[in-house]
Amino acid sequence: MKPMIDAWQQAMKDTGCTAILETNIFRTCYTAHDYTLQLCSPSLEYNISDLPPSVEFAGVLPRKSAAPSFQYPSWWSEVERAQKDNQYRHVVFVSQGTVNMDYYELVLPTIEAFSQTEDILVVATLGGRGAQLPHGFIVPSNARVVDYMPYDIILECTDVFVSNGGYGALTHAVRNGVPIVLAGESEEKIEVTMRAVYAGLGVSLSTQRPSTDQIRHGVDRIFQDTKFKKAAMKLKHENDGMDALAAVERKVRALTFFTIQNKDPLYLIQSITLSANSSSLLNNSN
């Protein structure tokens, strides 16, 4: 991250800053604005004694329903009935998000990890329209693969989520009450993984490229210990009691009213900074 931090500091100097009061760019996200709305509940974050008073926990974003035009894959009925008719006992969902397309890191090993386990149905999404698995890879009979599917659709039917640790993946898991196995060491993923483990719903594989045995062991830990599902459901209920979108609207309205009352353009700029930065900050925060 050093090149990014260096570029950020240089940009500050280029705009006339004579001193950089905060050298940690991630901490600056929480200290540079009048208010920061953190899109999670308090239980998903460490108990930080020096958390700035301007930070408010708003809860994770609400579930997003499928668009009327969304085309479900032809095998979707298998997912819906997976646990109803006992054909399968568990549904394991694996995704690497929409950026990392090296499927050898996590998607393929997860499919292979359970290729001989008929009581598990593996569902894999590839993170982009038209994406395909490497040529020649044979999909086992208990796995289903689709190029793209919104998280909330599949997570509603999922027992365990295998992810490379993006913050969006974690918050979707929380919203749906699904325990998560994490394998990621790039970008913010180590910090995200640590928080999932801290909150009790996650298992860390401590590697970017887990073996099939590591993945199988991580998933089995969740199946064998109910504490992970209980923690996931506790977090879900905690966030169900919060309304992130209402919190954003409430804060923006309050600042806007303050701006009108004071007729000060500076406050208007600060209000816009809040609304423009809170979403990007919180979807990518550590």
C-alpha atoms as a PDB file:
ATOM      1  CA  MET A   1       0.000   0.000   0.000  1.00  0.00           C
ATOM      2  CA  LYS A   2       3.046   2.282   0.261  1.00  0.00           C
ATOM      3  CA  PRO A   3       2.814   3.630  -3.340  1.00  0.00           C
ATOM      4  CA  MET A   4      -0.818   4.604  -2.731  1.00  0.00           C
ATOM      5  CA  ILE A   5       0.004   6.276   0.597  1.00  0.00           C
ATOM      6  CA  ASP A   6       2.954   8.137  -0.963  1.00  0.00           C
ATOM      7  CA  ALA A   7       0.741   9.334  -3.827  1.00  0.00           C
ATOM      8  CA  TRP A   8      -1.916  10.482  -1.376  1.00  0.00           C
ATOM      9  CA  GLN A   9       0.594  12.447   0.684  1.00  0.00           C
ATOM     10  CA  GLN A  10       2.048  14.027  -2.461  1.00  0.00           C
ATOM     11  CA  ALA A  11      -1.451  15.041  -3.576  1.00  0.00           C
ATOM     12  CA  MET A  12      -1.951  16.754  -0.217  1.00  0.00           C
ATOM     13  CA  LYS A  13       1.275  18.711  -0.691  1.00  0.00           C
ATOM     14  CA  ASP A  14       0.361  19.613  -4.280  1.00  0.00           C
ATOM     15  CA  THR A  15      -2.884  21.185  -3.071  1.00  0.00           C
ATOM     16  CA  GLY A  16      -1.025  23.414  -0.632  1.00  0.00           C
ATOM     17  CA  CYS A  17      -0.987  21.426   2.598  1.00  0.00           C
ATOM     18  CA  THR A  18       1.970  22.514   4.715  1.00  0.00           C
ATOM     19  CA  ALA A  19       1.593  19.644   7.179  1.00  0.00           C
ATOM     20  CA  ILE A  20       0.018  16.194   7.063  1.00  0.00           C
ATOM     21  CA  LEU A  21      -1.507  15.712  10.481  1.00  0.00           C
ATOM     22  CA  GLU A  22      -2.466  12.081   9.918  1.00  0.00           C
ATOM     23  CA  THR A  23      -0.101   9.860   7.919  1.00  0.00           C
ATOM     24  CA  ASN A  24      -2.297   6.741   8.005  1.00  0.00           C
ATOM     25  CA  ILE A  25      -4.675   7.016   5.065  1.00  0.00           C
ATOM     26  CA  PHE A  26      -7.096   4.467   6.516  1.00  0.00           C
ATOM     27  CA  ARG A  27      -7.347   6.306   9.820  1.00  0.00           C
ATOM     28  CA  THR A  28      -7.857   9.543   7.903  1.00  0.00           C
ATOM     29  CA  CYS A  29     -11.088   8.091   6.520  1.00  0.00           C
ATOM     30  CA  TYR A  30     -12.437   8.247  10.056  1.00  0.00           C
ATOM     31  CA  THR A  31     -10.912  11.546  11.180  1.00  0.00           C
ATOM     32  CA  ALA A  32     -11.058  13.857   8.139  1.00  0.00           C
ATOM     33  CA  HIS A  33     -14.838  14.263   7.959  1.00  0.00           C
ATOM     34  CA  ASP A  34     -17.398  15.816  10.244  1.00  0.00           C
ATOM     35  CA  TYR A  35     -19.253  12.506  10.496  1.00  0.00           C
ATOM     36  CA  THR A  36     -18.538   8.938   9.440  1.00  0.00           C
ATOM     37  CA  LEU A  37     -21.315   6.359   9.198  1.00  0.00           C
ATOM     38  CA  GLN A  38     -19.840   2.876   9.556  1.00  0.00           C
ATOM     39  CA  LEU A  39     -21.964   0.365   7.683  1.00  0.00           C
ATOM     40  CA  CYS A  40     -21.929  -2.396  10.258  1.00  0.00           C
ATOM     41  CA  SER A  41     -23.131  -2.984  13.801  1.00  0.00           C
ATOM     42  CA  PRO A  42     -20.804  -2.462  16.789  1.00  0.00           C
ATOM     43  CA  SER A  43     -20.287  -6.220  17.264  1.00  0.00           C
ATOM     44  CA  LEU A  44     -18.529  -6.470  13.899  1.00  0.00           C
ATOM     45  CA  GLU A  45     -15.835  -4.007  14.942  1.00  0.00           C
ATOM     46  CA  TYR A  46     -13.222  -4.079  17.683  1.00  0.00           C
ATOM     47  CA  ASN A  47     -13.974  -2.333  20.949  1.00  0.00           C
ATOM     48  CA  ILE A  48     -11.746   0.663  20.134  1.00  0.00           C
ATOM     49  CA  SER A  49     -11.151   2.964  23.090  1.00  0.00           C
ATOM     50  CA  ASP A  50     -10.073   5.935  20.960  1.00  0.00           C
ATOM     51  CA  LEU A  51     -12.751   5.679  18.269  1.00  0.00           C
ATOM     52  CA  PRO A  52     -13.484   9.258  17.137  1.00  0.00           C
ATOM     53  CA  PRO A  53     -16.828  10.532  18.465  1.00  0.00           C
ATOM     54  CA  SER A  54     -17.804  11.449  14.903  1.00  0.00           C
ATOM     55  CA  VAL A  55     -18.108   7.743  13.988  1.00  0.00           C
ATOM     56  CA  GLU A  56     -21.600   6.251  14.175  1.00  0.00           C
ATOM     57  CA  PHE A  57     -22.488   2.604  13.529  1.00  0.00           C
ATOM     58  CA  ALA A  58     -25.402   2.435  11.096  1.00  0.00           C
ATOM     59  CA  GLY A  59     -25.709  -1.308  10.431  1.00  0.00           C
ATOM     60  CA  VAL A  60     -25.041  -3.223   7.222  1.00  0.00           C
ATOM     61  CA  LEU A  61     -27.012  -2.358   4.106  1.00  0.00           C
ATOM     62  CA  PRO A  62     -30.399  -4.069   3.625  1.00  0.00           C
ATOM     63  CA  ARG A  63     -30.868  -7.123   1.450  1.00  0.00           C
ATOM     64  CA  LYS A  64     -31.449  -6.356  -2.192  1.00  0.00           C
ATOM     65  CA  SER A  65     -34.162  -8.303  -3.948  1.00  0.00           C
ATOM     66  CA  ALA A  66     -33.592  -9.767  -7.379  1.00  0.00           C
ATOM     67  CA  ALA A  67     -34.487  -7.467 -10.245  1.00  0.00           C
ATOM     68  CA  PRO A  68     -37.607  -8.508 -12.197  1.00  0.00           C
ATOM     69  CA  SER A  69     -35.373  -9.065 -15.219  1.00  0.00           C
ATOM     70  CA  PHE A  70     -32.936 -11.346 -13.378  1.00  0.00           C
ATOM     71  CA  GLN A  71     -32.630 -14.735 -15.051  1.00  0.00           C
ATOM     72  CA  TYR A  72     -32.180 -17.566 -12.578  1.00  0.00           C
ATOM     73  CA  PRO A  73     -29.944 -20.403 -13.799  1.00  0.00           C
ATOM     74  CA  SER A  74     -31.713 -23.517 -15.032  1.00  0.00           C
ATOM     75  CA  TRP A  75     -30.537 -25.481 -11.987  1.00  0.00           C
ATOM     76  CA  TRP A  76     -31.845 -23.006  -9.393  1.00  0.00           C
ATOM     77  CA  SER A  77     -34.633 -25.338  -8.269  1.00  0.00           C
ATOM     78  CA  GLU A  78     -31.928 -27.742  -7.061  1.00  0.00           C
ATOM     79  CA  VAL A  79     -30.658 -25.085  -4.679  1.00  0.00           C
ATOM     80  CA  GLU A  80     -34.138 -24.295  -3.396  1.00  0.00           C
ATOM     81  CA  ARG A  81     -34.956 -27.916  -2.659  1.00  0.00           C
ATOM     82  CA  ALA A  82     -31.433 -28.893  -1.547  1.00  0.00           C
ATOM     83  CA  GLN A  83     -32.305 -29.110   2.128  1.00  0.00           C
ATOM     84  CA  LYS A  84     -36.027 -29.700   1.752  1.00  0.00           C
ATOM     85  CA  ASP A  85     -35.987 -33.185   0.252  1.00  0.00           C
ATOM     86  CA  ASN A  86     -32.710 -34.335   1.872  1.00  0.00           C
ATOM     87  CA  GLN A  87     -31.040 -34.858  -1.486  1.00  0.00           C
ATOM     88  CA  TYR A  88     -28.297 -32.634  -0.147  1.00  0.00           C
ATOM     89  CA  ARG A  89     -27.597 -31.786   3.468  1.00  0.00           C
ATOM     90  CA  HIS A  90     -25.700 -28.537   2.986  1.00  0.00           C
ATOM     91  CA  VAL A  91     -25.196 -25.774   0.412  1.00  0.00           C
ATOM     92  CA  VAL A  92     -21.672 -24.322   0.220  1.00  0.00           C
ATOM     93  CA  PHE A  93     -21.341 -21.108  -1.758  1.00  0.00           C
ATOM     94  CA  VAL A  94     -17.946 -19.899  -3.026  1.00  0.00           C
ATOM     95  CA  SER A  95     -17.019 -16.601  -4.651  1.00  0.00           C
ATOM     96  CA  GLN A  96     -13.909 -14.479  -5.150  1.00  0.00           C
ATOM     97  CA  GLY A  97     -15.878 -11.281  -5.699  1.00  0.00           C
ATOM     98  CA  THR A  98     -15.721  -9.218  -8.885  1.00  0.00           C
ATOM     99  CA  VAL A  99     -12.025  -8.291  -9.030  1.00  0.00           C
ATOM    100  CA  ASN A 100      -9.917 -11.421  -8.568  1.00  0.00           C
ATOM    101  CA  MET A 101     -10.452 -13.722 -11.544  1.00  0.00           C
ATOM    102  CA  ASP A 102      -7.729 -16.258 -10.741  1.00  0.00           C
ATOM    103  CA  TYR A 103     -10.123 -19.096  -9.996  1.00  0.00           C
ATOM    104  CA  TYR A 104      -7.256 -21.395  -9.051  1.00  0.00           C
ATOM    105  CA  GLU A 105      -6.970 -19.435  -5.806  1.00  0.00           C
ATOM    106  CA  LEU A 106     -10.315 -20.352  -4.247  1.00  0.00           C
ATOM    107  CA  VAL A 107     -13.181 -21.259  -6.585  1.00  0.00           C
ATOM    108  CA  LEU A 108     -11.622 -24.351  -8.154  1.00  0.00           C
ATOM    109  CA  PRO A 109     -10.112 -25.729  -4.910  1.00  0.00           C
ATOM    110  CA  THR A 110     -13.492 -25.374  -3.187  1.00  0.00           C
ATOM    111  CA  ILE A 111     -15.296 -27.222  -5.969  1.00  0.00           C
ATOM    112  CA  GLU A 112     -12.644 -29.941  -5.866  1.00  0.00           C
ATOM    113  CA  ALA A 113     -12.660 -30.132  -2.067  1.00  0.00           C
ATOM    114  CA  PHE A 114     -16.211 -31.488  -2.068  1.00  0.00           C
ATOM    115  CA  SER A 115     -16.279 -33.282  -5.422  1.00  0.00           C
ATOM    116  CA  GLN A 116     -16.665 -36.635  -3.666  1.00  0.00           C
ATOM    117  CA  THR A 117     -19.081 -35.371  -1.009  1.00  0.00           C
ATOM    118  CA  GLU A 118     -22.566 -35.997  -2.314  1.00  0.00           C
ATOM    119  CA  ASP A 119     -24.304 -34.542   0.740  1.00  0.00           C
ATOM    120  CA  ILE A 120     -22.937 -31.097  -0.180  1.00  0.00           C
ATOM    121  CA  LEU A 121     -24.046 -28.966  -3.113  1.00  0.00           C
ATOM    122  CA  VAL A 122     -21.374 -26.438  -4.111  1.00  0.00           C
ATOM    123  CA  VAL A 123     -22.497 -23.260  -5.866  1.00  0.00           C
ATOM    124  CA  ALA A 124     -19.808 -21.049  -7.412  1.00  0.00           C
ATOM    125  CA  THR A 125     -20.169 -17.598  -8.932  1.00  0.00           C
ATOM    126  CA  LEU A 126     -17.401 -16.230 -11.152  1.00  0.00           C
ATOM    127  CA  GLY A 127     -17.881 -12.528 -10.491  1.00  0.00           C
ATOM    128  CA  GLY A 128     -18.626 -11.152 -13.945  1.00  0.00           C
ATOM    129  CA  ARG A 129     -21.043 -11.418 -16.846  1.00  0.00           C
ATOM    130  CA  GLY A 130     -19.790 -13.962 -19.336  1.00  0.00           C
ATOM    131  CA  ALA A 131     -16.988 -15.257 -17.089  1.00  0.00           C
ATOM    132  CA  GLN A 132     -16.066 -18.911 -17.550  1.00  0.00           C
ATOM    133  CA  LEU A 133     -14.021 -21.538 -15.765  1.00  0.00           C
ATOM    134  CA  PRO A 134     -10.640 -22.472 -17.285  1.00  0.00           C
ATOM    135  CA  HIS A 135     -10.889 -24.623 -20.387  1.00  0.00           C
ATOM    136  CA  GLY A 136     -10.835 -28.310 -19.580  1.00  0.00           C
ATOM    137  CA  PHE A 137     -11.959 -28.061 -15.952  1.00  0.00           C
ATOM    138  CA  ILE A 138     -14.557 -30.732 -15.284  1.00  0.00           C
ATOM    139  CA  VAL A 139     -17.365 -29.647 -12.972  1.00  0.00           C
ATOM    140  CA  PRO A 140     -18.354 -32.513 -10.641  1.00  0.00           C
ATOM    141  CA  SER A 141     -21.946 -33.684 -10.391  1.00  0.00           C
ATOM    142  CA  ASN A 142     -22.566 -31.935  -7.062  1.00  0.00           C
ATOM    143  CA  ALA A 143     -21.384 -28.478  -8.188  1.00  0.00           C
ATOM    144  CA  ARG A 144     -23.187 -25.696 -10.046  1.00  0.00           C
ATOM    145  CA  VAL A 145     -21.416 -22.717 -11.623  1.00  0.00           C
ATOM    146  CA  VAL A 146     -22.796 -19.387 -12.836  1.00  0.00           C
ATOM    147  CA  ASP A 147     -20.995 -16.339 -14.182  1.00  0.00           C
ATOM    148  CA  TYR A 148     -22.775 -13.821 -11.955  1.00  0.00           C
ATOM    149  CA  MET A 149     -25.397 -13.829  -9.244  1.00  0.00           C
ATOM    150  CA  PRO A 150     -26.145 -11.201  -6.570  1.00  0.00           C
ATOM    151  CA  TYR A 151     -24.941 -12.355  -3.162  1.00  0.00           C
ATOM    152  CA  ASP A 152     -28.272 -11.902  -1.410  1.00  0.00           C
ATOM    153  CA  ILE A 153     -30.032 -14.315  -3.756  1.00  0.00           C
ATOM    154  CA  ILE A 154     -27.736 -17.264  -3.168  1.00  0.00           C
ATOM    155  CA  LEU A 155     -26.861 -16.514   0.463  1.00  0.00           C
ATOM    156  CA  GLU A 156     -30.505 -16.876   1.423  1.00  0.00           C
ATOM    157  CA  CYS A 157     -30.108 -20.585   0.605  1.00  0.00           C
ATOM    158  CA  THR A 158     -26.515 -21.029   1.831  1.00  0.00           C
ATOM    159  CA  ASP A 159     -25.171 -22.896   4.864  1.00  0.00           C
ATOM    160  CA  VAL A 160     -21.513 -21.830   4.546  1.00  0.00           C
ATOM    161  CA  PHE A 161     -19.963 -19.047   2.460  1.00  0.00           C
ATOM    162  CA  VAL A 162     -16.361 -19.513   1.251  1.00  0.00           C
ATOM    163  CA  SER A 163     -14.870 -16.121   0.363  1.00  0.00           C
ATOM    164  CA  ASN A 164     -11.568 -14.358  -0.256  1.00  0.00           C
ATOM    165  CA  GLY A 165     -12.428 -11.795   2.388  1.00  0.00           C
ATOM    166  CA  GLY A 166     -13.837  -8.671   0.790  1.00  0.00           C
ATOM    167  CA  TYR A 167     -15.723  -6.361   3.143  1.00  0.00           C
ATOM    168  CA  GLY A 168     -18.815  -6.485   0.960  1.00  0.00           C
ATOM    169  CA  ALA A 169     -18.833 -10.285   1.124  1.00  0.00           C
ATOM    170  CA  LEU A 170     -18.619 -10.180   4.917  1.00  0.00           C
ATOM    171  CA  THR A 171     -21.462  -7.692   5.300  1.00  0.00           C
ATOM    172  CA  HIS A 172     -23.670  -9.728   2.952  1.00  0.00           C
ATOM    173  CA  ALA A 173     -22.926 -12.820   5.044  1.00  0.00           C
ATOM    174  CA  VAL A 174     -23.943 -10.893   8.164  1.00  0.00           C
ATOM    175  CA  ARG A 175     -27.128  -9.602   6.547  1.00  0.00           C
ATOM    176  CA  ASN A 176     -28.140 -13.178   5.704  1.00  0.00           C
ATOM    177  CA  GLY A 177     -26.904 -14.848   8.895  1.00  0.00           C
ATOM    178  CA  VAL A 178     -24.405 -17.115   7.121  1.00  0.00           C
ATOM    179  CA  PRO A 179     -21.089 -18.292   8.665  1.00  0.00           C
ATOM    180  CA  ILE A 180     -18.070 -17.620   6.477  1.00  0.00           C
ATOM    181  CA  VAL A 181     -14.722 -19.275   5.670  1.00  0.00           C
ATOM    182  CA  LEU A 182     -12.142 -16.708   4.561  1.00  0.00           C
ATOM    183  CA  ALA A 183      -8.991 -17.000   2.464  1.00  0.00           C
ATOM    184  CA  GLY A 184      -7.515 -13.635   1.512  1.00  0.00           C
ATOM    185  CA  GLU A 185      -4.281 -11.745   2.142  1.00  0.00           C
ATOM    186  CA  SER A 186      -4.418  -8.838  -0.339  1.00  0.00           C
ATOM    187  CA  GLU A 187      -5.898  -5.327  -0.046  1.00  0.00           C
ATOM    188  CA  GLU A 188      -8.060  -5.065   3.086  1.00  0.00           C
ATOM    189  CA  LYS A 189      -8.774  -8.778   3.309  1.00  0.00           C
ATOM    190  CA  ILE A 190      -6.574  -9.649   6.292  1.00  0.00           C
ATOM    191  CA  GLU A 191      -8.301  -6.978   8.375  1.00  0.00           C
ATOM    192  CA  VAL A 192     -11.734  -8.134   7.217  1.00  0.00           C
ATOM    193  CA  THR A 193     -10.892 -11.728   8.085  1.00  0.00           C
ATOM    194  CA  MET A 194      -9.677 -10.746  11.544  1.00  0.00           C
ATOM    195  CA  ARG A 195     -12.966  -8.988  12.235  1.00  0.00           C
ATOM    196  CA  ALA A 196     -15.023 -11.965  11.068  1.00  0.00           C
ATOM    197  CA  VAL A 197     -13.074 -14.231  13.408  1.00  0.00           C
ATOM    198  CA  TYR A 198     -13.356 -11.672  16.226  1.00  0.00           C
ATOM    199  CA  ALA A 199     -17.130 -11.457  15.755  1.00  0.00           C
ATOM    200  CA  GLY A 200     -17.425 -15.247  15.877  1.00  0.00           C
ATOM    201  CA  LEU A 201     -18.987 -16.040  12.503  1.00  0.00           C
ATOM    202  CA  GLY A 202     -15.759 -16.634  10.555  1.00  0.00           C
ATOM    203  CA  VAL A 203     -12.974 -19.178  10.118  1.00  0.00           C
ATOM    204  CA  SER A 204      -9.646 -17.974   8.724  1.00  0.00           C
ATOM    205  CA  LEU A 205      -7.597 -20.203   6.432  1.00  0.00           C
ATOM    206  CA  SER A 206      -4.616 -17.818   6.798  1.00  0.00           C
ATOM    207  CA  THR A 207      -3.631 -18.027   3.147  1.00  0.00           C
ATOM    208  CA  GLN A 208      -4.532 -16.616  -0.260  1.00  0.00           C
ATOM    209  CA  ARG A 209      -4.308 -20.020  -1.946  1.00  0.00           C
ATOM    210  CA  PRO A 210      -5.739 -22.688   0.360  1.00  0.00           C
ATOM    211  CA  SER A 211      -5.491 -26.372  -0.428  1.00  0.00           C
ATOM    212  CA  THR A 212      -8.564 -28.540  -0.818  1.00  0.00           C
ATOM    213  CA  ASP A 213      -7.837 -30.048   2.606  1.00  0.00           C
ATOM    214  CA  GLN A 214      -7.673 -26.603   4.232  1.00  0.00           C
ATOM    215  CA  ILE A 215     -10.981 -25.579   2.680  1.00  0.00           C
ATOM    216  CA  ARG A 216     -12.652 -28.830   3.666  1.00  0.00           C
ATOM    217  CA  HIS A 217     -11.361 -28.507   7.224  1.00  0.00           C
ATOM    218  CA  GLY A 218     -12.572 -24.893   7.482  1.00  0.00           C
ATOM    219  CA  VAL A 219     -16.061 -25.750   6.258  1.00  0.00           C
ATOM    220  CA  ASP A 220     -16.214 -28.831   8.498  1.00  0.00           C
ATOM    221  CA  ARG A 221     -15.375 -26.673  11.525  1.00  0.00           C
ATOM    222  CA  ILE A 222     -18.496 -24.638  10.889  1.00  0.00           C
ATOM    223  CA  PHE A 223     -20.661 -27.700  10.328  1.00  0.00           C
ATOM    224  CA  GLN A 224     -19.402 -29.351  13.508  1.00  0.00           C
ATOM    225  CA  ASP A 225     -19.631 -26.363  15.858  1.00  0.00           C
ATOM    226  CA  THR A 226     -22.921 -24.517  16.147  1.00  0.00           C
ATOM    227  CA  LYS A 227     -21.238 -21.449  17.671  1.00  0.00           C
ATOM    228  CA  PHE A 228     -20.470 -20.074  14.189  1.00  0.00           C
ATOM    229  CA  LYS A 229     -24.096 -20.194  13.031  1.00  0.00           C
ATOM    230  CA  LYS A 230     -25.269 -18.778  16.357  1.00  0.00           C
ATOM    231  CA  ALA A 231     -22.837 -15.860  16.033  1.00  0.00           C
ATOM    232  CA  ALA A 232     -23.937 -15.238  12.432  1.00  0.00           C
ATOM    233  CA  MET A 233     -27.595 -15.161  13.459  1.00  0.00           C
ATOM    234  CA  LYS A 234     -26.857 -12.902  16.432  1.00  0.00           C
ATOM    235  CA  LEU A 235     -25.151 -10.424  14.097  1.00  0.00           C
ATOM    236  CA  LYS A 236     -28.029 -10.692  11.632  1.00  0.00           C
ATOM    237  CA  HIS A 237     -30.580  -9.870  14.321  1.00  0.00           C
ATOM    238  CA  GLU A 238     -28.427  -7.001  15.598  1.00  0.00           C
ATOM    239  CA  ASN A 239     -28.300  -5.480  12.119  1.00  0.00           C
ATOM    240  CA  ASP A 240     -31.985  -6.202  11.483  1.00  0.00           C
ATOM    241  CA  GLY A 241     -32.648  -3.784  14.313  1.00  0.00           C
ATOM    242  CA  MET A 242     -30.693  -1.025  12.572  1.00  0.00           C
ATOM    243  CA  ASP A 243     -31.562   0.880   9.399  1.00  0.00           C
ATOM    244  CA  ALA A 244     -28.459   2.012   7.514  1.00  0.00           C
ATOM    245  CA  LEU A 245     -30.285   3.950   4.815  1.00  0.00           C
ATOM    246  CA  ALA A 246     -32.428   5.773   7.356  1.00  0.00           C
ATOM    247  CA  ALA A 247     -29.293   6.647   9.342  1.00  0.00           C
ATOM    248  CA  VAL A 248     -27.663   8.181   6.265  1.00  0.00           C
ATOM    249  CA  GLU A 249     -30.807  10.138   5.419  1.00  0.00           C
ATOM    250  CA  ARG A 250     -31.180  11.337   9.002  1.00  0.00           C
ATOM    251  CA  LYS A 251     -27.602  12.590   9.181  1.00  0.00           C
ATOM    252  CA  VAL A 252     -27.729  14.335   5.799  1.00  0.00           C
ATOM    253  CA  ARG A 253     -31.041  15.990   6.654  1.00  0.00           C
ATOM    254  CA  ALA A 254     -29.656  17.212   9.976  1.00  0.00           C
ATOM    255  CA  LEU A 255     -26.588  18.723   8.333  1.00  0.00           C
ATOM    256  CA  THR A 256     -28.650  20.240   5.534  1.00  0.00           C
ATOM    257  CA  PHE A 257     -30.985  21.895   8.047  1.00  0.00           C
ATOM    258  CA  PHE A 258     -27.967  23.223   9.937  1.00  0.00           C
ATOM    259  CA  THR A 259     -26.590  24.638   6.683  1.00  0.00           C
ATOM    260  CA  ILE A 260     -29.827  26.454   5.839  1.00  0.00           C
ATOM    261  CA  GLN A 261     -30.125  27.863   9.340  1.00  0.00           C
ATOM    262  CA  ASN A 262     -26.561  29.180   9.335  1.00  0.00           C
ATOM    263  CA  LYS A 263     -26.440  30.149   5.638  1.00  0.00           C
ATOM    264  CA  ASP A 264     -22.798  29.144   5.595  1.00  0.00           C
ATOM    265  CA  PRO A 265     -21.442  27.634   2.323  1.00  0.00           C
ATOM    266  CA  LEU A 266     -18.720  25.879   4.307  1.00  0.00           C
ATOM    267  CA  TYR A 267     -21.292  23.687   6.031  1.00  0.00           C
ATOM    268  CA  LEU A 268     -22.841  22.854   2.675  1.00  0.00           C
ATOM    269  CA  ILE A 269     -19.453  21.612   1.465  1.00  0.00           C
ATOM    270  CA  GLN A 270     -19.067  19.538   4.610  1.00  0.00           C
ATOM    271  CA  SER A 271     -22.522  18.024   4.140  1.00  0.00           C
ATOM    272  CA  ILE A 272     -21.686  17.009   0.568  1.00  0.00           C
ATOM    273  CA  THR A 273     -18.403  15.507   1.744  1.00  0.00           C
ATOM    274  CA  LEU A 274     -20.308  13.333   4.184  1.00  0.00           C
ATOM    275  CA  SER A 275     -22.798  12.005   1.641  1.00  0.00           C
ATOM    276  CA  ALA A 276     -20.176  11.505  -1.059  1.00  0.00           C
ATOM    277  CA  ASN A 277     -17.653   9.684   1.072  1.00  0.00           C
ATOM    278  CA  SER A 278     -19.568   7.619   3.580  1.00  0.00           C
ATOM    279  CA  SER A 279     -20.670   4.987   1.062  1.00  0.00           C
ATOM    280  CA  SER A 280     -17.266   4.457  -0.564  1.00  0.00           C
ATOM    281  CA  LEU A 281     -15.523   4.542   2.790  1.00  0.00           C
ATOM    282  CA  LEU A 282     -17.760   2.032   4.453  1.00  0.00           C
ATOM    283  CA  ASN A 283     -17.918  -0.455   1.629  1.00  0.00           C
ATOM    284  CA  ASN A 284     -14.119  -0.596   1.634  1.00  0.00           C
ATOM    285  CA  SER A 285     -13.320   0.147   5.257  1.00  0.00           C
ATOM    286  CA  ASN A 286     -11.122  -1.982   7.441  1.00  0.00           C
END
